[in-house]
Amino acid sequence: MADLKERLLPPKPASALNVREVANRPSASGRQAFQGVDVLGLKKRGQGLRSWIRVDTSGNSQAIEVDKFTMMRRCDLPARDLRLLDPLFVYPSTILGREKAIVVNLEQIRCIITADEVLLLNSLDSYVLHYVMELQRRLTTTGVGEVWQSDSSDMNRRRGSRNFENVFSNSSPDYLPFEFRALEVALEAACTFLDSQAAELEIEAYPLLDELTSKISTLNLERVRRLKSRLVALTRRVQKVRDEIEQLMDDDGDMAEMYLTEKKRRMELSFYGDQSMVGYKSVDGASISAPVSPVSSPLDSRKLEKCFSIARSRHESMRSSESTTESIEELEMLLEAYFVVIDSTLNKLTSLKEYIDDTEDFINIQLDNVRNQLIQFELLLTTATFVVAIFGVVAGIFGMNFEIELFDVPSAFQWVLIITGVCGVFIFSAFVWFFKYRRLMPL
């Protein structure tokens, strides 16, 4: 990992010093040559070079510096697709199939996949370096790049399409093109990253929710609120990746568009087919100069050429339809495998969200129960206050300025207290019975 990081990410590129010297050097008119260079020697966004990690079909990686317009011409991509890879912007996960490239934006993995190479933005992120190492490991172990290079060199030497065609027609069912292998590593990295995030969230969430059910406090409620916010954000990211894979699986045209190796093979076959047809025309022209009937030879040659062209077009259309169907099946199986993985991650997050909702319902029930108990206690307290107020009424009556014979009886005060207390207890018991009768209090 350290060797790869040192090789791909040099601490200070030499071009930065040259750019800085040229930028600070005044021109003949007294002005600087150009401005807009920051301290690190990189130009402003949209004007300067960017460092990319290039991985070819053989698994070799190198750091290159390419500007935006060169990258657009190299991969035949519009500017809006390169904007998806800009780390300064935050875009949802996207997989786009273009004419000559596949634009992948899956979490930390932002790359351009072509039939011959993978281009990633050079970054210190460990996930990018792990992606490069895993892709190199798979390419070197399977030898896909060697097969491609050997076939291409053999084709260039013989100048014919027969050997190149036989290699792809006799390939094993387990064979995947280079772009599908690169896409598989990107999908695996994204799904693994999201699944690890979901696992960490589960490890943190369940003990916290159990603690909240046992002790409801402001601190625990705040921690659960933050946890739920993280859960919602992670669920959206996982849902976006799942929807993107499902959208690709539902559209056969998009999946066929992503078969870049097949497109390149068709272009090369058509190119060498045209060359062979040109050679056939030259041979046929030589035969025309031979002593043959001057009327029948051109007509026969045109008919023969027309028959060859019709047969070749039919053969190419049949082969292209069959290869397209096979490529769709291969890519569909690949996407379906990772769709199951990302759907499992989404189910984990959904289960966690349901557990949080159940915990919230349980807490609300507990709070409602406590609130009901407080209301019942307040009701009893109000009733007791009403009963005690009866003693105040009796005391107020006897405290008035009038004389009665009851004041002369020595035991009258005791009898007043006893009678008032009995009446208060009777009134309190009547209220309690009424509350239980109306089910305002538990029996």
Protein backbone atom coordinates (compact mmCIF):
# COMPACT_ATOMS: atom_id res chain seq x y z
CA MET A 1 0.00 0.00 0.00
CA ALA A 2 2.79 2.44 0.90
CA ASP A 3 4.79 1.60 -2.24
CA LEU A 4 1.74 2.07 -4.43
CA LYS A 5 0.93 5.39 -2.76
CA GLU A 6 4.51 6.63 -3.23
CA ARG A 7 4.51 5.57 -6.86
CA LEU A 8 1.11 6.98 -7.76
CA LEU A 9 1.13 10.07 -5.56
CA PRO A 10 4.49 11.82 -5.64
CA PRO A 11 4.89 14.37 -2.85
CA LYS A 12 5.67 17.27 -5.19
CA PRO A 13 5.49 16.93 -8.96
CA ALA A 14 8.26 18.49 -10.98
CA SER A 15 5.79 20.11 -13.32
CA ALA A 16 4.51 22.24 -10.47
CA LEU A 17 7.86 24.00 -10.13
CA ASN A 18 8.08 24.61 -13.85
CA VAL A 19 4.55 25.97 -13.95
CA ARG A 20 5.31 28.25 -11.01
CA GLU A 21 8.49 29.58 -12.64
CA VAL A 22 6.72 30.25 -15.92
CA ALA A 23 3.83 31.89 -14.10
CA ASN A 24 6.09 34.21 -12.10
CA ARG A 25 8.31 35.08 -15.07
CA PRO A 26 7.28 38.44 -16.63
CA SER A 27 6.64 38.59 -20.33
CA ALA A 28 7.98 41.10 -22.85
CA SER A 29 5.11 43.49 -22.16
CA GLY A 30 5.92 43.56 -18.46
CA ARG A 31 3.01 41.31 -17.49
CA GLN A 32 3.14 37.79 -16.20
CA ALA A 33 2.67 34.96 -18.67
CA PHE A 34 -0.50 33.69 -16.99
CA GLN A 35 -2.07 33.85 -13.59
CA GLY A 36 -4.39 31.64 -11.56
CA VAL A 37 -1.81 29.22 -10.10
CA ASP A 38 -2.16 28.36 -6.43
CA VAL A 39 0.53 27.54 -3.89
CA LEU A 40 0.70 23.86 -4.77
CA GLY A 41 1.34 24.64 -8.43
CA LEU A 42 -2.05 23.51 -9.65
CA LYS A 43 -4.09 25.77 -11.83
CA LYS A 44 -7.57 26.84 -11.03
CA ARG A 45 -10.39 24.41 -11.53
CA GLY A 46 -11.31 23.99 -15.16
CA GLN A 47 -7.99 25.41 -16.46
CA GLY A 48 -5.15 23.15 -15.27
CA LEU A 49 -3.98 19.62 -15.35
CA ARG A 50 -5.30 16.91 -13.11
CA SER A 51 -3.55 13.84 -11.88
CA TRP A 52 -5.15 10.54 -12.90
CA ILE A 53 -4.29 6.94 -12.11
CA ARG A 54 -4.31 4.83 -15.25
CA VAL A 55 -4.66 1.04 -15.07
CA ASP A 56 -4.39 -0.85 -18.36
CA THR A 57 -5.62 -4.30 -19.27
CA SER A 58 -2.35 -5.90 -18.10
CA GLY A 59 -2.70 -4.49 -14.59
CA ASN A 60 0.02 -1.87 -14.97
CA SER A 61 -0.70 1.41 -13.21
CA GLN A 62 0.80 4.83 -13.62
CA ALA A 63 0.06 8.42 -12.70
CA ILE A 64 -0.63 10.76 -15.61
CA GLU A 65 -1.55 14.42 -15.83
CA VAL A 66 -4.30 15.25 -18.30
CA ASP A 67 -6.46 18.31 -18.65
CA LYS A 68 -10.21 18.24 -18.98
CA PHE A 69 -10.44 18.79 -22.72
CA THR A 70 -7.87 16.14 -23.49
CA MET A 71 -9.79 13.70 -21.31
CA MET A 72 -13.01 14.60 -23.11
CA ARG A 73 -11.43 13.89 -26.50
CA ARG A 74 -9.67 10.77 -25.23
CA CYS A 75 -12.80 9.11 -23.83
CA ASP A 76 -15.36 10.86 -26.06
CA LEU A 77 -17.28 12.22 -23.07
CA PRO A 78 -19.23 15.45 -22.58
CA ALA A 79 -18.23 17.94 -19.91
CA ARG A 80 -21.21 17.09 -17.70
CA ASP A 81 -19.97 13.51 -17.34
CA LEU A 82 -16.56 14.68 -16.14
CA ARG A 83 -18.32 16.98 -13.71
CA LEU A 84 -19.73 13.87 -12.01
CA LEU A 85 -16.16 12.86 -11.16
CA ASP A 86 -15.19 16.23 -9.72
CA PRO A 87 -14.45 15.81 -5.98
CA LEU A 88 -15.49 19.42 -5.36
CA PHE A 89 -19.10 18.52 -6.13
CA VAL A 90 -21.33 16.03 -4.36
CA TYR A 91 -23.37 13.95 -6.78
CA PRO A 92 -25.40 10.82 -6.09
CA SER A 93 -24.15 7.45 -7.22
CA THR A 94 -24.34 7.10 -11.01
CA ILE A 95 -23.32 4.56 -13.65
CA LEU A 96 -23.47 5.91 -17.19
CA GLY A 97 -22.80 3.91 -20.35
CA ARG A 98 -21.43 6.01 -23.20
CA GLU A 99 -20.16 5.26 -26.68
CA LYS A 100 -16.53 4.59 -25.72
CA ALA A 101 -16.52 4.66 -21.92
CA ILE A 102 -18.41 3.90 -18.72
CA VAL A 103 -18.60 6.72 -16.19
CA VAL A 104 -18.73 5.34 -12.65
CA ASN A 105 -19.48 7.43 -9.57
CA LEU A 106 -19.95 5.04 -6.66
CA GLU A 107 -19.15 6.54 -3.27
CA GLN A 108 -15.35 7.07 -3.17
CA ILE A 109 -14.77 5.29 -6.48
CA ARG A 110 -14.98 7.82 -9.33
CA CYS A 111 -13.48 6.52 -12.54
CA ILE A 112 -13.78 6.26 -16.31
CA ILE A 113 -13.70 2.74 -17.72
CA THR A 114 -12.85 2.14 -21.37
CA ALA A 115 -12.12 -1.02 -23.31
CA ASP A 116 -8.37 -0.60 -22.75
CA GLU A 117 -7.90 1.28 -19.47
CA VAL A 118 -9.37 2.60 -16.24
CA LEU A 119 -8.81 6.23 -15.29
CA LEU A 120 -9.29 7.32 -11.67
CA LEU A 121 -8.77 10.69 -10.12
CA ASN A 122 -5.54 10.53 -8.16
CA SER A 123 -6.39 10.68 -4.48
CA LEU A 124 -4.97 9.82 -1.06
CA ASP A 125 -8.15 7.97 -0.19
CA SER A 126 -7.43 4.42 0.90
CA TYR A 127 -10.47 3.13 -0.96
CA VAL A 128 -9.04 4.36 -4.27
CA LEU A 129 -5.73 2.63 -3.59
CA HIS A 130 -7.54 -0.56 -2.56
CA TYR A 131 -9.52 -0.39 -5.80
CA VAL A 132 -6.32 -0.09 -7.85
CA MET A 133 -4.64 -2.94 -5.97
CA GLU A 134 -7.67 -5.22 -6.26
CA LEU A 135 -8.05 -4.49 -9.97
CA GLN A 136 -4.37 -5.18 -10.55
CA ARG A 137 -4.60 -8.42 -8.62
CA ARG A 138 -7.56 -9.67 -10.64
CA LEU A 139 -6.08 -8.64 -13.97
CA THR A 140 -2.72 -10.26 -13.26
CA THR A 141 -4.23 -13.49 -11.95
CA THR A 142 -6.76 -13.95 -14.74
CA GLY A 143 -4.50 -12.71 -17.53
CA VAL A 144 -7.22 -10.86 -19.39
CA GLY A 145 -4.82 -8.17 -20.53
CA GLU A 146 -2.39 -10.73 -21.93
CA VAL A 147 -5.17 -12.37 -23.94
CA TRP A 148 -6.25 -9.02 -25.32
CA GLN A 149 -2.72 -7.89 -26.21
CA SER A 150 -1.75 -11.21 -27.77
CA ASP A 151 -4.91 -11.23 -29.85
CA SER A 152 -4.39 -7.64 -30.95
CA SER A 153 -0.75 -8.20 -31.91
CA ASP A 154 -1.63 -11.39 -33.76
CA MET A 155 -4.37 -9.55 -35.60
CA ASN A 156 -2.04 -6.71 -36.54
CA ARG A 157 0.57 -9.12 -37.85
CA ARG A 158 -1.74 -11.20 -40.01
CA ARG A 159 -4.03 -8.34 -41.05
CA GLY A 160 -7.05 -10.56 -40.89
CA SER A 161 -10.09 -10.87 -38.69
CA ARG A 162 -10.35 -14.64 -38.61
CA ASN A 163 -8.03 -15.30 -35.63
CA PHE A 164 -9.37 -12.33 -33.67
CA GLU A 165 -12.88 -13.56 -34.27
CA ASN A 166 -12.12 -17.13 -33.25
CA VAL A 167 -10.62 -16.06 -29.93
CA PHE A 168 -13.81 -14.31 -28.84
CA SER A 169 -16.12 -16.95 -30.28
CA ASN A 170 -14.27 -19.75 -28.45
CA SER A 171 -13.99 -17.93 -25.15
CA SER A 172 -15.12 -19.68 -21.99
CA PRO A 173 -18.49 -18.83 -20.38
CA ASP A 174 -16.66 -17.46 -17.32
CA TYR A 175 -14.85 -14.85 -19.37
CA LEU A 176 -15.68 -11.24 -18.63
CA PRO A 177 -14.40 -8.30 -20.66
CA PHE A 178 -12.03 -5.81 -19.14
CA GLU A 179 -14.67 -3.14 -18.57
CA PHE A 180 -16.94 -5.57 -16.75
CA ARG A 181 -14.12 -6.64 -14.45
CA ALA A 182 -13.31 -3.03 -13.65
CA LEU A 183 -17.00 -2.32 -13.07
CA GLU A 184 -17.26 -5.40 -10.86
CA VAL A 185 -14.39 -4.21 -8.66
CA ALA A 186 -16.04 -0.77 -8.38
CA LEU A 187 -19.39 -2.29 -7.44
CA GLU A 188 -17.72 -4.59 -4.94
CA ALA A 189 -15.84 -1.67 -3.36
CA ALA A 190 -18.99 0.45 -3.11
CA CYS A 191 -21.15 -2.37 -1.74
CA THR A 192 -18.45 -3.37 0.77
CA PHE A 193 -18.04 0.22 1.93
CA LEU A 194 -21.78 0.74 2.38
CA ASP A 195 -22.18 -2.61 4.11
CA SER A 196 -19.35 -1.77 6.52
CA GLN A 197 -20.99 1.57 7.26
CA ALA A 198 -24.27 -0.20 7.95
CA ALA A 199 -22.53 -2.74 10.21
CA GLU A 200 -20.84 0.03 12.20
CA LEU A 201 -24.14 1.80 12.55
CA GLU A 202 -25.78 -1.39 13.81
CA ILE A 203 -23.02 -1.97 16.37
CA GLU A 204 -23.48 1.55 17.67
CA ALA A 205 -27.26 1.69 17.46
CA TYR A 206 -28.56 -1.37 19.27
CA PRO A 207 -26.78 -0.81 22.63
CA LEU A 208 -27.74 2.86 22.53
CA LEU A 209 -31.39 2.06 21.89
CA ASP A 210 -31.42 -0.51 24.67
CA GLU A 211 -29.90 2.04 27.02
CA LEU A 212 -32.54 4.56 26.01
CA THR A 213 -35.36 2.15 26.79
CA SER A 214 -33.97 1.59 30.27
CA LYS A 215 -33.12 5.23 30.97
CA ILE A 216 -34.83 8.06 29.17
CA SER A 217 -32.64 11.14 29.36
CA THR A 218 -31.90 14.19 27.29
CA LEU A 219 -28.40 12.95 26.48
CA ASN A 220 -29.63 9.59 25.23
CA LEU A 221 -32.38 11.21 23.18
CA GLU A 222 -29.84 13.53 21.54
CA ARG A 223 -27.57 10.60 20.68
CA VAL A 224 -30.48 8.70 19.16
CA ARG A 225 -31.45 11.76 17.13
CA ARG A 226 -27.96 11.99 15.65
CA LEU A 227 -27.96 8.26 15.01
CA LYS A 228 -31.25 8.50 13.16
CA SER A 229 -29.92 11.35 11.01
CA ARG A 230 -26.92 9.22 10.02
CA LEU A 231 -29.22 6.31 9.32
CA VAL A 232 -31.43 8.37 7.02
CA ALA A 233 -28.40 9.71 5.09
CA LEU A 234 -26.87 6.24 4.71
CA THR A 235 -30.21 4.78 3.64
CA ARG A 236 -30.50 7.36 0.89
CA ARG A 237 -27.04 6.52 -0.42
CA VAL A 238 -27.71 2.79 -0.37
CA GLN A 239 -31.11 3.32 -1.98
CA LYS A 240 -29.51 5.37 -4.76
CA VAL A 241 -26.97 2.65 -5.55
CA ARG A 242 -29.72 0.04 -5.51
CA ASP A 243 -31.94 2.11 -7.80
CA GLU A 244 -29.04 2.72 -10.19
CA ILE A 245 -28.29 -1.01 -10.47
CA GLU A 246 -31.98 -1.83 -10.84
CA GLN A 247 -32.38 0.80 -13.54
CA LEU A 248 -29.49 -0.72 -15.49
CA MET A 249 -30.94 -4.20 -15.12
CA ASP A 250 -34.31 -3.05 -16.44
CA ASP A 251 -32.87 -1.36 -19.54
CA ASP A 252 -31.31 -3.76 -22.06
CA GLY A 253 -30.18 -0.88 -24.25
CA ASP A 254 -28.06 0.64 -21.51
CA MET A 255 -26.51 -2.72 -20.72
CA ALA A 256 -25.70 -3.34 -24.39
CA GLU A 257 -24.20 0.15 -24.56
CA MET A 258 -21.75 -0.77 -21.81
CA TYR A 259 -20.19 -3.64 -23.76
CA LEU A 260 -17.15 -1.64 -24.92
CA THR A 261 -15.00 -4.60 -25.95
CA GLU A 262 -17.70 -5.80 -28.31
CA LYS A 263 -17.98 -2.34 -29.85
CA LYS A 264 -14.24 -2.18 -30.37
CA ARG A 265 -14.23 -5.64 -31.88
CA ARG A 266 -16.97 -4.71 -34.34
CA MET A 267 -15.13 -1.57 -35.38
CA GLU A 268 -11.92 -3.49 -35.97
CA LEU A 269 -13.72 -6.26 -37.83
CA SER A 270 -15.47 -3.75 -40.04
CA PHE A 271 -12.17 -1.94 -40.63
CA TYR A 272 -10.29 -5.07 -41.68
CA GLY A 273 -13.34 -6.25 -43.61
CA ASP A 274 -13.25 -3.07 -45.63
CA GLN A 275 -9.53 -3.56 -46.23
CA SER A 276 -10.14 -7.10 -47.47
CA MET A 277 -12.91 -5.83 -49.73
CA VAL A 278 -10.54 -3.24 -51.16
CA GLY A 279 -8.03 -6.01 -51.82
CA TYR A 280 -10.75 -8.07 -53.46
CA LYS A 281 -11.64 -5.14 -55.70
CA SER A 282 -8.03 -4.77 -56.78
CA VAL A 283 -7.81 -8.48 -57.59
CA ASP A 284 -11.11 -8.29 -59.39
CA GLY A 285 -9.85 -5.27 -61.36
CA ALA A 286 -6.85 -7.28 -62.47
CA SER A 287 -9.11 -10.04 -63.62
CA ILE A 288 -11.13 -7.56 -65.63
CA SER A 289 -8.04 -6.75 -67.74
CA ALA A 290 -7.76 -10.41 -68.66
CA PRO A 291 -9.17 -11.59 -71.99
CA VAL A 292 -12.72 -12.25 -70.81
CA SER A 293 -16.00 -11.10 -72.26
CA PRO A 294 -16.15 -7.30 -71.90
CA VAL A 295 -19.86 -7.32 -71.25
CA SER A 296 -20.29 -10.07 -68.69
CA SER A 297 -17.24 -9.36 -66.48
CA PRO A 298 -18.29 -6.05 -64.90
CA LEU A 299 -21.81 -7.28 -64.29
CA ASP A 300 -20.60 -10.49 -62.72
CA SER A 301 -18.13 -8.64 -60.53
CA ARG A 302 -20.83 -6.25 -59.31
CA LYS A 303 -23.21 -9.09 -58.59
CA LEU A 304 -20.51 -11.01 -56.77
CA GLU A 305 -19.50 -7.92 -54.78
CA LYS A 306 -23.13 -7.25 -53.88
CA CYS A 307 -23.62 -10.86 -52.77
CA PHE A 308 -20.47 -10.66 -50.62
CA SER A 309 -21.60 -7.42 -49.01
CA ILE A 310 -25.10 -8.75 -48.27
CA ALA A 311 -23.72 -11.97 -46.82
CA ARG A 312 -21.17 -10.08 -44.73
CA SER A 313 -23.78 -7.67 -43.38
CA ARG A 314 -26.13 -10.52 -42.49
CA HIS A 315 -23.31 -12.40 -40.82
CA GLU A 316 -22.25 -9.34 -38.85
CA SER A 317 -25.83 -8.56 -37.79
CA MET A 318 -26.39 -12.14 -36.63
CA ARG A 319 -23.13 -12.19 -34.71
CA SER A 320 -23.75 -8.76 -33.21
CA SER A 321 -27.24 -9.73 -32.02
CA GLU A 322 -25.96 -12.96 -30.49
CA SER A 323 -23.01 -11.24 -28.82
CA THR A 324 -25.27 -8.44 -27.57
CA THR A 325 -27.61 -10.99 -26.00
CA GLU A 326 -24.70 -12.78 -24.37
CA SER A 327 -23.20 -9.53 -23.13
CA ILE A 328 -26.53 -8.48 -21.67
CA GLU A 329 -26.81 -11.82 -19.89
CA GLU A 330 -23.27 -11.55 -18.51
CA LEU A 331 -23.75 -7.99 -17.32
CA GLU A 332 -27.21 -8.76 -15.99
CA MET A 333 -25.87 -11.64 -13.91
CA LEU A 334 -23.08 -9.39 -12.62
CA LEU A 335 -25.48 -6.61 -11.70
CA GLU A 336 -27.94 -9.05 -10.17
CA ALA A 337 -25.26 -10.43 -7.83
CA TYR A 338 -24.41 -6.99 -6.47
CA PHE A 339 -28.07 -6.01 -6.46
CA VAL A 340 -28.63 -8.82 -3.97
CA VAL A 341 -25.72 -7.54 -1.86
CA ILE A 342 -26.88 -3.93 -1.81
CA ASP A 343 -30.47 -5.03 -1.22
CA SER A 344 -29.29 -7.00 1.81
CA THR A 345 -27.58 -3.86 3.12
CA LEU A 346 -30.76 -1.90 2.56
CA ASN A 347 -32.73 -4.55 4.45
CA LYS A 348 -30.32 -4.17 7.38
CA LEU A 349 -30.86 -0.44 7.44
CA THR A 350 -34.61 -0.91 7.10
CA SER A 351 -34.62 -3.32 10.03
CA LEU A 352 -32.58 -0.86 12.07
CA LYS A 353 -35.00 1.94 11.20
CA GLU A 354 -37.93 -0.25 12.23
CA TYR A 355 -36.15 -1.02 15.51
CA ILE A 356 -35.67 2.70 16.10
CA ASP A 357 -39.33 3.32 15.31
CA ASP A 358 -40.35 0.56 17.71
CA THR A 359 -38.09 2.06 20.38
CA GLU A 360 -39.65 5.47 19.81
CA ASP A 361 -43.13 3.96 20.12
CA PHE A 362 -42.11 2.18 23.31
CA ILE A 363 -40.69 5.41 24.74
CA ASN A 364 -43.84 7.27 23.79
CA ILE A 365 -45.91 4.60 25.53
CA GLN A 366 -43.74 4.91 28.61
CA LEU A 367 -44.08 8.68 28.58
CA ASP A 368 -47.83 8.39 28.13
CA ASN A 369 -47.99 6.00 31.05
CA VAL A 370 -46.02 8.40 33.23
CA ARG A 371 -48.24 11.24 32.10
CA ASN A 372 -51.33 9.24 32.98
CA GLN A 373 -49.92 8.45 36.39
CA LEU A 374 -49.24 12.14 36.96
CA ILE A 375 -52.79 12.98 35.93
CA GLN A 376 -54.17 10.35 38.33
CA PHE A 377 -52.00 11.65 41.15
CA GLU A 378 -53.14 15.18 40.38
CA LEU A 379 -56.74 14.02 40.47
CA LEU A 380 -56.28 12.38 43.87
CA LEU A 381 -54.45 15.42 45.14
CA THR A 382 -57.27 17.69 43.97
CA THR A 383 -59.84 15.46 45.70
CA ALA A 384 -57.84 15.47 48.94
CA THR A 385 -57.55 19.24 48.71
CA PHE A 386 -61.32 19.44 48.37
CA VAL A 387 -61.79 17.25 51.46
CA VAL A 388 -59.33 19.33 53.49
CA ALA A 389 -61.17 22.45 52.39
CA ILE A 390 -64.21 21.11 54.30
CA PHE A 391 -62.30 21.57 57.57
CA GLY A 392 -61.63 25.13 56.53
CA VAL A 393 -65.34 25.72 55.93
CA VAL A 394 -66.23 24.32 59.36
CA ALA A 395 -63.53 26.40 61.03
CA GLY A 396 -64.77 29.49 59.22
CA ILE A 397 -68.31 28.87 60.36
CA PHE A 398 -67.36 28.39 63.99
CA GLY A 399 -65.07 31.36 63.90
CA MET A 400 -67.86 33.84 63.23
CA ASN A 401 -68.92 36.35 65.88
CA PHE A 402 -72.09 34.70 67.24
CA GLU A 403 -72.93 32.75 70.35
CA ILE A 404 -74.53 29.26 70.48
CA GLU A 405 -74.98 26.70 73.23
CA LEU A 406 -72.50 24.34 71.52
CA PHE A 407 -69.65 26.57 72.61
CA ASP A 408 -70.46 25.83 76.29
CA VAL A 409 -70.14 22.02 75.89
CA PRO A 410 -66.56 20.87 76.81
CA SER A 411 -66.50 17.89 74.37
CA ALA A 412 -68.08 19.77 71.45
CA PHE A 413 -64.73 20.46 69.78
CA GLN A 414 -63.85 16.76 69.68
CA TRP A 415 -67.23 15.83 68.22
CA VAL A 416 -66.88 18.51 65.54
CA LEU A 417 -63.48 17.11 64.52
CA ILE A 418 -64.76 13.52 64.47
CA ILE A 419 -67.85 14.32 62.45
CA THR A 420 -65.91 16.50 60.01
CA GLY A 421 -63.22 13.82 59.56
CA VAL A 422 -65.79 11.07 58.94
CA CYS A 423 -67.60 13.24 56.40
CA GLY A 424 -64.29 14.02 54.67
CA VAL A 425 -63.34 10.35 54.47
CA PHE A 426 -66.78 9.48 53.15
CA ILE A 427 -66.60 12.20 50.50
CA PHE A 428 -63.06 11.13 49.48
CA SER A 429 -64.10 7.47 49.22
CA ALA A 430 -67.09 8.47 47.13
CA PHE A 431 -64.87 10.37 44.72
CA VAL A 432 -62.42 7.45 44.42
CA TRP A 433 -65.26 5.02 43.75
CA PHE A 434 -66.60 7.37 41.09
CA PHE A 435 -63.19 7.60 39.41
CA LYS A 436 -62.86 3.83 39.33
CA TYR A 437 -66.39 3.43 38.09
CA ARG A 438 -65.68 5.78 35.19
CA ARG A 439 -62.31 4.03 34.60
CA LEU A 440 -60.37 7.20 35.25
CA MET A 441 -58.06 5.27 37.56
CA PRO A 442 -56.73 1.68 37.46
CA LEU A 443 -58.67 -0.79 39.55
